[in-house]
């Protein structure tokens, strides 16, 4: 994830919501501390693409399977998943079918995940 501005970094530290995005051979891990967590098997990733727009909000939020998890307004990438994978938001179970993430190096992320 991109380095957040100092104010956002401070808020994330105070609320124990350390953001993390990791790509392994078998899965994509996305977490924002206790606020959001999803482990997406790579076999379920159907599309990965850079997003041309920016979002003004920061955090983990979404509805009906579409989740935005970001610490900066951009750059962003979209990851589509089929079938939907389980995740957790504030400890509650959710289904994740699309993730939009703020990523520092979009090209490297796209290469790693494809």
PDB file of N, CA and C in Angstrom:
ATOM      1  N   UNK A   1       0.849  -1.179   0.000  1.00  0.00           N
ATOM      2  CA  UNK A   1       0.000   0.000   0.000  1.00  0.00           C
ATOM      3  C   UNK A   1       0.887   1.232   0.000  1.00  0.00           C
ATOM      4  N   UNK A   2       0.397   2.339  -0.547  1.00  0.00           N
ATOM      5  CA  UNK A   2       1.200   3.559  -0.558  1.00  0.00           C
ATOM      6  C   UNK A   2       1.389   4.123   0.840  1.00  0.00           C
ATOM      7  N   UNK A   3       2.441   4.843   0.997  1.00  0.00           N
ATOM      8  CA  UNK A   3       2.644   5.525   2.278  1.00  0.00           C
ATOM      9  C   UNK A   3       1.592   6.606   2.411  1.00  0.00           C
ATOM     10  N   UNK A   4       0.876   6.542   3.491  1.00  0.00           N
ATOM     11  CA  UNK A   4      -0.159   7.533   3.761  1.00  0.00           C
ATOM     12  C   UNK A   4       0.497   8.834   4.218  1.00  0.00           C
ATOM     13  N   UNK A   5      -0.256   9.918   4.108  1.00  0.00           N
ATOM     14  CA  UNK A   5       0.287  11.178   4.604  1.00  0.00           C
ATOM     15  C   UNK A   5       0.421  11.079   6.126  1.00  0.00           C
ATOM     16  N   UNK A   6       1.185  11.971   6.763  1.00  0.00           N
ATOM     17  CA  UNK A   6       1.459  11.858   8.198  1.00  0.00           C
ATOM     18  C   UNK A   6       0.206  11.824   9.077  1.00  0.00           C
ATOM     19  N   UNK A   7      -0.810  12.568   8.731  1.00  0.00           N
ATOM     20  CA  UNK A   7      -2.041  12.571   9.530  1.00  0.00           C
ATOM     21  C   UNK A   7      -2.709  11.203   9.474  1.00  0.00           C
ATOM     22  N   UNK A   8      -2.830  10.641   8.274  1.00  0.00           N
ATOM     23  CA  UNK A   8      -3.447   9.322   8.115  1.00  0.00           C
ATOM     24  C   UNK A   8      -2.590   8.268   8.803  1.00  0.00           C
ATOM     25  N   UNK A   9      -1.266   8.338   8.658  1.00  0.00           N
ATOM     26  CA  UNK A   9      -0.385   7.385   9.342  1.00  0.00           C
ATOM     27  C   UNK A   9      -0.601   7.429  10.842  1.00  0.00           C
ATOM     28  N   UNK A  10      -0.731   8.626  11.386  1.00  0.00           N
ATOM     29  CA  UNK A  10      -0.986   8.763  12.822  1.00  0.00           C
ATOM     30  C   UNK A  10      -2.306   8.139  13.237  1.00  0.00           C
ATOM     31  N   UNK A  11      -3.345   8.399  12.456  1.00  0.00           N
ATOM     32  CA  UNK A  11      -4.651   7.805  12.758  1.00  0.00           C
ATOM     33  C   UNK A  11      -4.618   6.284  12.671  1.00  0.00           C
ATOM     34  N   UNK A  12      -3.936   5.753  11.662  1.00  0.00           N
ATOM     35  CA  UNK A  12      -3.822   4.299  11.528  1.00  0.00           C
ATOM     36  C   UNK A  12      -3.073   3.700  12.712  1.00  0.00           C
ATOM     37  N   UNK A  13      -2.012   4.370  13.161  1.00  0.00           N
ATOM     38  CA  UNK A  13      -1.237   3.877  14.300  1.00  0.00           C
ATOM     39  C   UNK A  13      -2.061   3.904  15.588  1.00  0.00           C
ATOM     40  N   UNK A  14      -2.763   4.999  15.819  1.00  0.00           N
ATOM     41  CA  UNK A  14      -3.567   5.141  17.039  1.00  0.00           C
ATOM     42  C   UNK A  14      -4.700   4.123  17.093  1.00  0.00           C
ATOM     43  N   UNK A  15      -5.248   3.763  15.941  1.00  0.00           N
ATOM     44  CA  UNK A  15      -6.380   2.829  15.896  1.00  0.00           C
ATOM     45  C   UNK A  15      -5.941   1.385  15.624  1.00  0.00           C
ATOM     46  N   UNK A  16      -4.632   1.128  15.600  1.00  0.00           N
ATOM     47  CA  UNK A  16      -4.096  -0.221  15.372  1.00  0.00           C
ATOM     48  C   UNK A  16      -4.619  -0.848  14.080  1.00  0.00           C
ATOM     49  N   UNK A  17      -4.685  -0.060  13.037  1.00  0.00           N
ATOM     50  CA  UNK A  17      -5.158  -0.554  11.745  1.00  0.00           C
ATOM     51  C   UNK A  17      -4.020  -0.508  10.724  1.00  0.00           C
ATOM     52  N   UNK A  18      -2.992  -1.284  10.993  1.00  0.00           N
ATOM     53  CA  UNK A  18      -1.828  -1.339  10.104  1.00  0.00           C
ATOM     54  C   UNK A  18      -2.222  -1.994   8.779  1.00  0.00           C
ATOM     55  N   UNK A  19      -2.102  -1.282   7.669  1.00  0.00           N
ATOM     56  CA  UNK A  19      -2.473  -1.853   6.372  1.00  0.00           C
ATOM     57  C   UNK A  19      -1.411  -2.816   5.855  1.00  0.00           C
ATOM     58  N   UNK A  20      -1.872  -3.844   5.142  1.00  0.00           N
ATOM     59  CA  UNK A  20      -0.956  -4.840   4.603  1.00  0.00           C
ATOM     60  C   UNK A  20      -1.540  -5.459   3.336  1.00  0.00           C
ATOM     61  N   UNK A  21      -0.738  -5.543   2.288  1.00  0.00           N
ATOM     62  CA  UNK A  21      -1.090  -6.257   1.056  1.00  0.00           C
ATOM     63  C   UNK A  21       0.107  -7.119   0.712  1.00  0.00           C
ATOM     64  N   UNK A  22      -0.118  -8.438   0.643  1.00  0.00           N
ATOM     65  CA  UNK A  22       0.961  -9.371   0.315  1.00  0.00           C
ATOM     66  C   UNK A  22       0.484 -10.319  -0.772  1.00  0.00           C
ATOM     67  N   UNK A  23       1.351 -10.553  -1.740  1.00  0.00           N
ATOM     68  CA  UNK A  23       1.065 -11.514  -2.808  1.00  0.00           C
ATOM     69  C   UNK A  23       2.013 -12.689  -2.621  1.00  0.00           C
ATOM     70  N   UNK A  24       1.441 -13.885  -2.466  1.00  0.00           N
ATOM     71  CA  UNK A  24       2.243 -15.100  -2.382  1.00  0.00           C
ATOM     72  C   UNK A  24       1.920 -15.986  -3.578  1.00  0.00           C
ATOM     73  N   UNK A  25       2.534 -17.138  -3.644  1.00  0.00           N
ATOM     74  CA  UNK A  25       2.245 -18.054  -4.750  1.00  0.00           C
ATOM     75  C   UNK A  25       0.793 -18.493  -4.767  1.00  0.00           C
ATOM     76  N   UNK A  26       0.201 -18.615  -3.577  1.00  0.00           N
ATOM     77  CA  UNK A  26      -1.144 -19.179  -3.496  1.00  0.00           C
ATOM     78  C   UNK A  26      -2.251 -18.173  -3.211  1.00  0.00           C
ATOM     79  N   UNK A  27      -1.910 -16.989  -2.689  1.00  0.00           N
ATOM     80  CA  UNK A  27      -2.982 -16.090  -2.258  1.00  0.00           C
ATOM     81  C   UNK A  27      -2.565 -14.621  -2.259  1.00  0.00           C
ATOM     82  N   UNK A  28      -3.578 -13.784  -2.229  1.00  0.00           N
ATOM     83  CA  UNK A  28      -3.435 -12.343  -2.022  1.00  0.00           C
ATOM     84  C   UNK A  28      -4.003 -12.054  -0.645  1.00  0.00           C
ATOM     85  N   UNK A  29      -3.178 -11.525   0.242  1.00  0.00           N
ATOM     86  CA  UNK A  29      -3.623 -11.167   1.588  1.00  0.00           C
ATOM     87  C   UNK A  29      -3.811  -9.660   1.639  1.00  0.00           C
ATOM     88  N   UNK A  30      -4.991  -9.233   2.072  1.00  0.00           N
ATOM     89  CA  UNK A  30      -5.285  -7.811   2.245  1.00  0.00           C
ATOM     90  C   UNK A  30      -5.813  -7.647   3.654  1.00  0.00           C
ATOM     91  N   UNK A  31      -5.171  -6.777   4.424  1.00  0.00           N
ATOM     92  CA  UNK A  31      -5.684  -6.536   5.768  1.00  0.00           C
ATOM     93  C   UNK A  31      -5.451  -5.093   6.171  1.00  0.00           C
ATOM     94  N   UNK A  32      -6.291  -4.655   7.055  1.00  0.00           N
ATOM     95  CA  UNK A  32      -6.151  -3.342   7.665  1.00  0.00           C
ATOM     96  C   UNK A  32      -6.422  -3.538   9.156  1.00  0.00           C
ATOM     97  N   UNK A  33      -5.447  -4.207   9.792  1.00  0.00           N
ATOM     98  CA  UNK A  33      -5.565  -4.495  11.216  1.00  0.00           C
ATOM     99  C   UNK A  33      -6.845  -5.238  11.542  1.00  0.00           C
ATOM    100  N   UNK A  34      -7.509  -4.820  12.574  1.00  0.00           N
ATOM    101  CA  UNK A  34      -8.756  -5.444  13.024  1.00  0.00           C
ATOM    102  C   UNK A  34      -9.953  -5.030  12.173  1.00  0.00           C
ATOM    103  N   UNK A  35      -9.797  -4.022  11.307  1.00  0.00           N
ATOM    104  CA  UNK A  35     -10.930  -3.476  10.556  1.00  0.00           C
ATOM    105  C   UNK A  35     -11.304  -4.301   9.333  1.00  0.00           C
ATOM    106  N   UNK A  36     -10.314  -4.919   8.674  1.00  0.00           N
ATOM    107  CA  UNK A  36     -10.600  -5.663   7.437  1.00  0.00           C
ATOM    108  C   UNK A  36      -9.545  -6.733   7.233  1.00  0.00           C
ATOM    109  N   UNK A  37      -9.982  -7.895   6.747  1.00  0.00           N
ATOM    110  CA  UNK A  37      -9.046  -8.962   6.392  1.00  0.00           C
ATOM    111  C   UNK A  37      -9.696  -9.874   5.360  1.00  0.00           C
ATOM    112  N   UNK A  38      -8.938 -10.192   4.318  1.00  0.00           N
ATOM    113  CA  UNK A  38      -9.370 -11.162   3.317  1.00  0.00           C
ATOM    114  C   UNK A  38      -8.131 -11.858   2.764  1.00  0.00           C
ATOM    115  N   UNK A  39      -8.240 -13.162   2.594  1.00  0.00           N
ATOM    116  CA  UNK A  39      -7.204 -13.951   1.944  1.00  0.00           C
ATOM    117  C   UNK A  39      -7.841 -14.508   0.680  1.00  0.00           C
ATOM    118  N   UNK A  40      -7.412 -13.991  -0.456  1.00  0.00           N
ATOM    119  CA  UNK A  40      -8.004 -14.349  -1.749  1.00  0.00           C
ATOM    120  C   UNK A  40      -7.110 -15.376  -2.436  1.00  0.00           C
ATOM    121  N   UNK A  41      -7.595 -16.600  -2.635  1.00  0.00           N
ATOM    122  CA  UNK A  41      -6.791 -17.573  -3.382  1.00  0.00           C
ATOM    123  C   UNK A  41      -6.520 -17.058  -4.799  1.00  0.00           C
ATOM    124  N   UNK A  42      -5.292 -17.187  -5.246  1.00  0.00           N
ATOM    125  CA  UNK A  42      -4.944 -16.671  -6.581  1.00  0.00           C
ATOM    126  C   UNK A  42      -5.756 -17.329  -7.680  1.00  0.00           C
ATOM    127  N   UNK A  43      -6.161 -18.566  -7.475  1.00  0.00           N
ATOM    128  CA  UNK A  43      -6.950 -19.270  -8.484  1.00  0.00           C
ATOM    129  C   UNK A  43      -8.321 -18.632  -8.693  1.00  0.00           C
ATOM    130  N   UNK A  44      -8.782 -17.820  -7.734  1.00  0.00           N
ATOM    131  CA  UNK A  44     -10.099 -17.186  -7.857  1.00  0.00           C
ATOM    132  C   UNK A  44     -10.025 -15.780  -8.448  1.00  0.00           C
ATOM    133  N   UNK A  45      -8.817 -15.266  -8.648  1.00  0.00           N
ATOM    134  CA  UNK A  45      -8.660 -13.920  -9.223  1.00  0.00           C
ATOM    135  C   UNK A  45      -8.961 -13.998 -10.720  1.00  0.00           C
ATOM    136  N   UNK A  46      -9.982 -13.264 -11.158  1.00  0.00           N
ATOM    137  CA  UNK A  46     -10.381 -13.308 -12.568  1.00  0.00           C
ATOM    138  C   UNK A  46      -9.904 -12.098 -13.358  1.00  0.00           C
ATOM    139  N   UNK A  47      -9.646 -10.984 -12.665  1.00  0.00           N
ATOM    140  CA  UNK A  47      -9.207  -9.766 -13.357  1.00  0.00           C
ATOM    141  C   UNK A  47      -8.438  -8.878 -12.394  1.00  0.00           C
ATOM    142  N   UNK A  48      -7.377  -8.278 -12.906  1.00  0.00           N
ATOM    143  CA  UNK A  48      -6.589  -7.309 -12.142  1.00  0.00           C
ATOM    144  C   UNK A  48      -6.303  -6.157 -13.084  1.00  0.00           C
ATOM    145  N   UNK A  49      -6.629  -4.939 -12.659  1.00  0.00           N
ATOM    146  CA  UNK A  49      -6.429  -3.787 -13.540  1.00  0.00           C
ATOM    147  C   UNK A  49      -6.196  -2.518 -12.735  1.00  0.00           C
ATOM    148  N   UNK A  50      -5.421  -1.618 -13.319  1.00  0.00           N
ATOM    149  CA  UNK A  50      -5.252  -0.295 -12.726  1.00  0.00           C
ATOM    150  C   UNK A  50      -6.565   0.465 -12.848  1.00  0.00           C
ATOM    151  N   UNK A  51      -6.836   1.311 -11.870  1.00  0.00           N
ATOM    152  CA  UNK A  51      -8.055   2.115 -11.864  1.00  0.00           C
ATOM    153  C   UNK A  51      -7.658   3.555 -12.185  1.00  0.00           C
ATOM    154  N   UNK A  52      -8.292   4.180 -13.177  1.00  0.00           N
ATOM    155  CA  UNK A  52      -7.873   5.516 -13.594  1.00  0.00           C
ATOM    156  C   UNK A  52      -8.327   6.640 -12.670  1.00  0.00           C
ATOM    157  N   UNK A  53      -9.225   6.383 -11.748  1.00  0.00           N
ATOM    158  CA  UNK A  53      -9.733   7.444 -10.890  1.00  0.00           C
ATOM    159  C   UNK A  53      -9.155   7.340  -9.488  1.00  0.00           C
ATOM    160  N   UNK A  54      -9.407   8.349  -8.689  1.00  0.00           N
ATOM    161  CA  UNK A  54      -8.965   8.395  -7.294  1.00  0.00           C
ATOM    162  C   UNK A  54     -10.183   8.430  -6.391  1.00  0.00           C
ATOM    163  N   UNK A  55     -10.004   7.988  -5.146  1.00  0.00           N
ATOM    164  CA  UNK A  55     -11.074   8.029  -4.150  1.00  0.00           C
ATOM    165  C   UNK A  55     -10.646   8.981  -3.043  1.00  0.00           C
ATOM    166  N   UNK A  56     -11.558   9.784  -2.591  1.00  0.00           N
ATOM    167  CA  UNK A  56     -11.236  10.750  -1.537  1.00  0.00           C
ATOM    168  C   UNK A  56     -11.287  10.117  -0.144  1.00  0.00           C
ATOM    169  N   UNK A  57     -11.938   8.981  -0.006  1.00  0.00           N
ATOM    170  CA  UNK A  57     -12.048   8.349   1.306  1.00  0.00           C
ATOM    171  C   UNK A  57     -10.820   7.481   1.585  1.00  0.00           C
ATOM    172  N   UNK A  58     -10.579   7.244   2.864  1.00  0.00           N
ATOM    173  CA  UNK A  58      -9.472   6.413   3.317  1.00  0.00           C
ATOM    174  C   UNK A  58     -10.046   5.393   4.294  1.00  0.00           C
ATOM    175  N   UNK A  59      -9.609   4.140   4.199  1.00  0.00           N
ATOM    176  CA  UNK A  59     -10.062   3.120   5.137  1.00  0.00           C
ATOM    177  C   UNK A  59     -10.470   1.846   4.425  1.00  0.00           C
ATOM    178  N   UNK A  60     -11.359   1.111   5.075  1.00  0.00           N
ATOM    179  CA  UNK A  60     -11.888  -0.138   4.510  1.00  0.00           C
ATOM    180  C   UNK A  60     -13.403  -0.027   4.537  1.00  0.00           C
ATOM    181  N   UNK A  61     -13.989   0.029   3.365  1.00  0.00           N
ATOM    182  CA  UNK A  61     -15.446   0.167   3.311  1.00  0.00           C
ATOM    183  C   UNK A  61     -15.979  -0.419   2.011  1.00  0.00           C
ATOM    184  N   UNK A  62     -17.207  -0.822   2.069  1.00  0.00           N
ATOM    185  CA  UNK A  62     -17.821  -1.413   0.896  1.00  0.00           C
ATOM    186  C   UNK A  62     -19.189  -1.969   1.211  1.00  0.00           C
ATOM    187  N   UNK A  63     -19.726  -2.697   0.241  1.00  0.00           N
ATOM    188  CA  UNK A  63     -21.066  -3.238   0.371  1.00  0.00           C
ATOM    189  C   UNK A  63     -21.277  -4.269  -0.722  1.00  0.00           C
ATOM    190  N   UNK A  64     -21.997  -5.307  -0.398  1.00  0.00           N
ATOM    191  CA  UNK A  64     -22.404  -6.329  -1.363  1.00  0.00           C
ATOM    192  C   UNK A  64     -21.227  -6.935  -2.136  1.00  0.00           C
ATOM    193  N   UNK A  65     -20.136  -7.187  -1.417  1.00  0.00           N
ATOM    194  CA  UNK A  65     -19.009  -7.869  -2.025  1.00  0.00           C
ATOM    195  C   UNK A  65     -17.956  -6.987  -2.666  1.00  0.00           C
ATOM    196  N   UNK A  66     -18.228  -5.697  -2.796  1.00  0.00           N
ATOM    197  CA  UNK A  66     -17.265  -4.766  -3.400  1.00  0.00           C
ATOM    198  C   UNK A  66     -16.640  -3.928  -2.285  1.00  0.00           C
ATOM    199  N   UNK A  67     -15.305  -4.041  -2.114  1.00  0.00           N
ATOM    200  CA  UNK A  67     -14.621  -3.389  -0.993  1.00  0.00           C
ATOM    201  C   UNK A  67     -13.487  -2.507  -1.475  1.00  0.00           C
ATOM    202  N   UNK A  68     -13.408  -1.323  -0.886  1.00  0.00           N
ATOM    203  CA  UNK A  68     -12.311  -0.386  -1.103  1.00  0.00           C
ATOM    204  C   UNK A  68     -11.461  -0.410   0.165  1.00  0.00           C
ATOM    205  N   UNK A  69     -10.189  -0.757   0.024  1.00  0.00           N
ATOM    206  CA  UNK A  69      -9.265  -0.795   1.160  1.00  0.00           C
ATOM    207  C   UNK A  69      -8.078   0.067   0.764  1.00  0.00           C
ATOM    208  N   UNK A  70      -7.991   1.262   1.341  1.00  0.00           N
ATOM    209  CA  UNK A  70      -6.946   2.184   0.901  1.00  0.00           C
ATOM    210  C   UNK A  70      -6.454   3.087   2.022  1.00  0.00           C
ATOM    211  N   UNK A  71      -5.174   3.468   1.893  1.00  0.00           N
ATOM    212  CA  UNK A  71      -4.566   4.415   2.827  1.00  0.00           C
ATOM    213  C   UNK A  71      -4.198   5.710   2.126  1.00  0.00           C
ATOM    214  N   UNK A  72      -4.466   5.766   0.824  1.00  0.00           N
ATOM    215  CA  UNK A  72      -4.193   6.954   0.026  1.00  0.00           C
ATOM    216  C   UNK A  72      -5.262   7.040  -1.059  1.00  0.00           C
ATOM    217  N   UNK A  73      -5.411   8.205  -1.649  1.00  0.00           N
ATOM    218  CA  UNK A  73      -6.445   8.387  -2.676  1.00  0.00           C
ATOM    219  C   UNK A  73      -6.074   7.715  -3.991  1.00  0.00           C
ATOM    220  N   UNK A  74      -4.833   7.338  -4.156  1.00  0.00           N
ATOM    221  CA  UNK A  74      -4.390   6.655  -5.367  1.00  0.00           C
ATOM    222  C   UNK A  74      -2.905   6.455  -5.314  1.00  0.00           C
ATOM    223  N   UNK A  75      -2.333   5.733  -6.233  1.00  0.00           N
ATOM    224  CA  UNK A  75      -2.968   4.999  -7.323  1.00  0.00           C
ATOM    225  C   UNK A  75      -3.717   3.775  -6.802  1.00  0.00           C
ATOM    226  N   UNK A  76      -4.713   3.355  -7.582  1.00  0.00           N
ATOM    227  CA  UNK A  76      -5.585   2.256  -7.183  1.00  0.00           C
ATOM    228  C   UNK A  76      -5.549   1.126  -8.199  1.00  0.00           C
ATOM    229  N   UNK A  77      -5.802  -0.096  -7.714  1.00  0.00           N
ATOM    230  CA  UNK A  77      -5.976  -1.260  -8.584  1.00  0.00           C
ATOM    231  C   UNK A  77      -7.256  -1.982  -8.170  1.00  0.00           C
ATOM    232  N   UNK A  78      -7.865  -2.647  -9.136  1.00  0.00           N
ATOM    233  CA  UNK A  78      -9.075  -3.423  -8.866  1.00  0.00           C
ATOM    234  C   UNK A  78      -8.764  -4.900  -9.083  1.00  0.00           C
ATOM    235  N   UNK A  79      -9.185  -5.728  -8.128  1.00  0.00           N
ATOM    236  CA  UNK A  79      -9.015  -7.177  -8.213  1.00  0.00           C
ATOM    237  C   UNK A  79     -10.411  -7.788  -8.151  1.00  0.00           C
ATOM    238  N   UNK A  80     -10.788  -8.513  -9.213  1.00  0.00           N
ATOM    239  CA  UNK A  80     -12.095  -9.191  -9.232  1.00  0.00           C
ATOM    240  C   UNK A  80     -11.884 -10.665  -8.910  1.00  0.00           C
ATOM    241  N   UNK A  81     -12.825 -11.215  -8.150  1.00  0.00           N
ATOM    242  CA  UNK A  81     -12.708 -12.565  -7.620  1.00  0.00           C
ATOM    243  C   UNK A  81     -13.963 -13.362  -7.958  1.00  0.00           C
ATOM    244  N   UNK A  82     -13.776 -14.599  -8.445  1.00  0.00           N
ATOM    245  CA  UNK A  82     -14.920 -15.470  -8.697  1.00  0.00           C
ATOM    246  C   UNK A  82     -14.473 -16.918  -8.510  1.00  0.00           C
ATOM    247  N   UNK A  83     -15.073 -17.645  -7.593  1.00  0.00           N
ATOM    248  CA  UNK A  83     -16.199 -17.265  -6.753  1.00  0.00           C
ATOM    249  C   UNK A  83     -15.743 -16.330  -5.626  1.00  0.00           C
ATOM    250  N   UNK A  84     -16.718 -15.665  -5.028  1.00  0.00           N
ATOM    251  CA  UNK A  84     -16.428 -14.748  -3.922  1.00  0.00           C
ATOM    252  C   UNK A  84     -15.706 -15.504  -2.812  1.00  0.00           C
ATOM    253  N   UNK A  85     -14.845 -14.804  -2.109  1.00  0.00           N
ATOM    254  CA  UNK A  85     -14.065 -15.399  -1.028  1.00  0.00           C
ATOM    255  C   UNK A  85     -14.481 -14.792   0.303  1.00  0.00           C
ATOM    256  N   UNK A  86     -14.342 -15.519   1.395  1.00  0.00           N
ATOM    257  CA  UNK A  86     -14.716 -14.947   2.689  1.00  0.00           C
ATOM    258  C   UNK A  86     -13.716 -13.897   3.150  1.00  0.00           C
ATOM    259  N   UNK A  87     -14.231 -12.933   3.891  1.00  0.00           N
ATOM    260  CA  UNK A  87     -13.415 -11.903   4.502  1.00  0.00           C
ATOM    261  C   UNK A  87     -14.042 -11.512   5.826  1.00  0.00           C
ATOM    262  N   UNK A  88     -13.422 -10.578   6.513  1.00  0.00           N
ATOM    263  CA  UNK A  88     -13.977 -10.079   7.777  1.00  0.00           C
ATOM    264  C   UNK A  88     -13.851  -8.564   7.811  1.00  0.00           C
ATOM    265  N   UNK A  89     -14.921  -7.927   8.250  1.00  0.00           N
ATOM    266  CA  UNK A  89     -14.950  -6.482   8.455  1.00  0.00           C
ATOM    267  C   UNK A  89     -15.428  -6.254   9.882  1.00  0.00           C
ATOM    268  N   UNK A  90     -14.588  -5.621  10.686  1.00  0.00           N
ATOM    269  CA  UNK A  90     -14.892  -5.388  12.096  1.00  0.00           C
ATOM    270  C   UNK A  90     -15.284  -6.681  12.802  1.00  0.00           C
ATOM    271  N   UNK A  91     -14.688  -7.791  12.356  1.00  0.00           N
ATOM    272  CA  UNK A  91     -14.960  -9.093  12.954  1.00  0.00           C
ATOM    273  C   UNK A  91     -16.147  -9.828  12.363  1.00  0.00           C
ATOM    274  N   UNK A  92     -16.944  -9.153  11.560  1.00  0.00           N
ATOM    275  CA  UNK A  92     -18.122  -9.785  10.963  1.00  0.00           C
ATOM    276  C   UNK A  92     -17.758 -10.409   9.619  1.00  0.00           C
ATOM    277  N   UNK A  93     -18.322 -11.583   9.329  1.00  0.00           N
ATOM    278  CA  UNK A  93     -18.013 -12.222   8.046  1.00  0.00           C
ATOM    279  C   UNK A  93     -18.663 -11.493   6.872  1.00  0.00           C
ATOM    280  N   UNK A  94     -17.915 -11.387   5.787  1.00  0.00           N
ATOM    281  CA  UNK A  94     -18.418 -10.793   4.538  1.00  0.00           C
ATOM    282  C   UNK A  94     -17.940 -11.663   3.382  1.00  0.00           C
ATOM    283  N   UNK A  95     -18.521 -11.455   2.230  1.00  0.00           N
ATOM    284  CA  UNK A  95     -18.070 -12.098   0.997  1.00  0.00           C
ATOM    285  C   UNK A  95     -17.361 -11.024   0.168  1.00  0.00           C
ATOM    286  N   UNK A  96     -16.236 -11.378  -0.411  1.00  0.00           N
ATOM    287  CA  UNK A  96     -15.449 -10.435  -1.207  1.00  0.00           C
ATOM    288  C   UNK A  96     -15.445 -10.929  -2.651  1.00  0.00           C
ATOM    289  N   UNK A  97     -16.007 -10.104  -3.550  1.00  0.00           N
ATOM    290  CA  UNK A  97     -15.955 -10.444  -4.975  1.00  0.00           C
ATOM    291  C   UNK A  97     -15.173  -9.406  -5.767  1.00  0.00           C
ATOM    292  N   UNK A  98     -14.887  -8.256  -5.124  1.00  0.00           N
ATOM    293  CA  UNK A  98     -14.071  -7.229  -5.771  1.00  0.00           C
ATOM    294  C   UNK A  98     -13.373  -6.409  -4.696  1.00  0.00           C
ATOM    295  N   UNK A  99     -12.071  -6.174  -4.912  1.00  0.00           N
ATOM    296  CA  UNK A  99     -11.278  -5.333  -4.020  1.00  0.00           C
ATOM    297  C   UNK A  99     -10.674  -4.203  -4.834  1.00  0.00           C
ATOM    298  N   UNK A 100     -10.775  -2.994  -4.333  1.00  0.00           N
ATOM    299  CA  UNK A 100     -10.046  -1.866  -4.906  1.00  0.00           C
ATOM    300  C   UNK A 100      -9.044  -1.449  -3.843  1.00  0.00           C
ATOM    301  N   UNK A 101      -7.768  -1.448  -4.208  1.00  0.00           N
ATOM    302  CA  UNK A 101      -6.682  -1.231  -3.259  1.00  0.00           C
ATOM    303  C   UNK A 101      -5.800  -0.081  -3.685  1.00  0.00           C
ATOM    304  N   UNK A 102      -5.297   0.674  -2.713  1.00  0.00           N
ATOM    305  CA  UNK A 102      -4.269   1.669  -3.031  1.00  0.00           C
ATOM    306  C   UNK A 102      -2.927   0.943  -2.991  1.00  0.00           C
ATOM    307  N   UNK A 103      -2.157   1.110  -4.055  1.00  0.00           N
ATOM    308  CA  UNK A 103      -0.893   0.381  -4.234  1.00  0.00           C
ATOM    309  C   UNK A 103       0.181   1.371  -4.694  1.00  0.00           C
ATOM    310  N   UNK A 104       1.362   1.295  -4.080  1.00  0.00           N
ATOM    311  CA  UNK A 104       2.480   2.165  -4.477  1.00  0.00           C
ATOM    312  C   UNK A 104       2.931   1.904  -5.904  1.00  0.00           C
ATOM    313  N   UNK A 105       3.311   0.677  -6.189  1.00  0.00           N
ATOM    314  CA  UNK A 105       3.867   0.323  -7.486  1.00  0.00           C
ATOM    315  C   UNK A 105       2.858  -0.550  -8.235  1.00  0.00           C
ATOM    316  N   UNK A 106       1.972   0.101  -8.964  1.00  0.00           N
ATOM    317  CA  UNK A 106       0.890  -0.598  -9.655  1.00  0.00           C
ATOM    318  C   UNK A 106       1.439  -1.625 -10.641  1.00  0.00           C
ATOM    319  N   UNK A 107       2.422  -1.263 -11.440  1.00  0.00           N
ATOM    320  CA  UNK A 107       2.959  -2.180 -12.442  1.00  0.00           C
ATOM    321  C   UNK A 107       3.517  -3.452 -11.804  1.00  0.00           C
ATOM    322  N   UNK A 108       4.276  -3.316 -10.736  1.00  0.00           N
ATOM    323  CA  UNK A 108       4.844  -4.490 -10.057  1.00  0.00           C
ATOM    324  C   UNK A 108       3.726  -5.349  -9.465  1.00  0.00           C
ATOM    325  N   UNK A 109       2.708  -4.717  -8.888  1.00  0.00           N
ATOM    326  CA  UNK A 109       1.582  -5.473  -8.318  1.00  0.00           C
ATOM    327  C   UNK A 109       0.851  -6.248  -9.402  1.00  0.00           C
ATOM    328  N   UNK A 110       0.578  -5.598 -10.528  1.00  0.00           N
ATOM    329  CA  UNK A 110      -0.116  -6.259 -11.634  1.00  0.00           C
ATOM    330  C   UNK A 110       0.708  -7.436 -12.153  1.00  0.00           C
ATOM    331  N   UNK A 111       2.005  -7.254 -12.276  1.00  0.00           N
ATOM    332  CA  UNK A 111       2.887  -8.331 -12.737  1.00  0.00           C
ATOM    333  C   UNK A 111       2.882  -9.492 -11.746  1.00  0.00           C
ATOM    334  N   UNK A 112       2.978  -9.178 -10.461  1.00  0.00           N
ATOM    335  CA  UNK A 112       3.008 -10.226  -9.429  1.00  0.00           C
ATOM    336  C   UNK A 112       1.717 -11.037  -9.400  1.00  0.00           C
ATOM    337  N   UNK A 113       0.585 -10.377  -9.579  1.00  0.00           N
ATOM    338  CA  UNK A 113      -0.699 -11.050  -9.411  1.00  0.00           C
ATOM    339  C   UNK A 113      -1.181 -11.748 -10.676  1.00  0.00           C
ATOM    340  N   UNK A 114      -0.708 -11.335 -11.835  1.00  0.00           N
ATOM    341  CA  UNK A 114      -1.171 -11.965 -13.088  1.00  0.00           C
ATOM    342  C   UNK A 114      -0.534 -13.309 -13.297  1.00  0.00           C
TER     343      UNK A 114
END
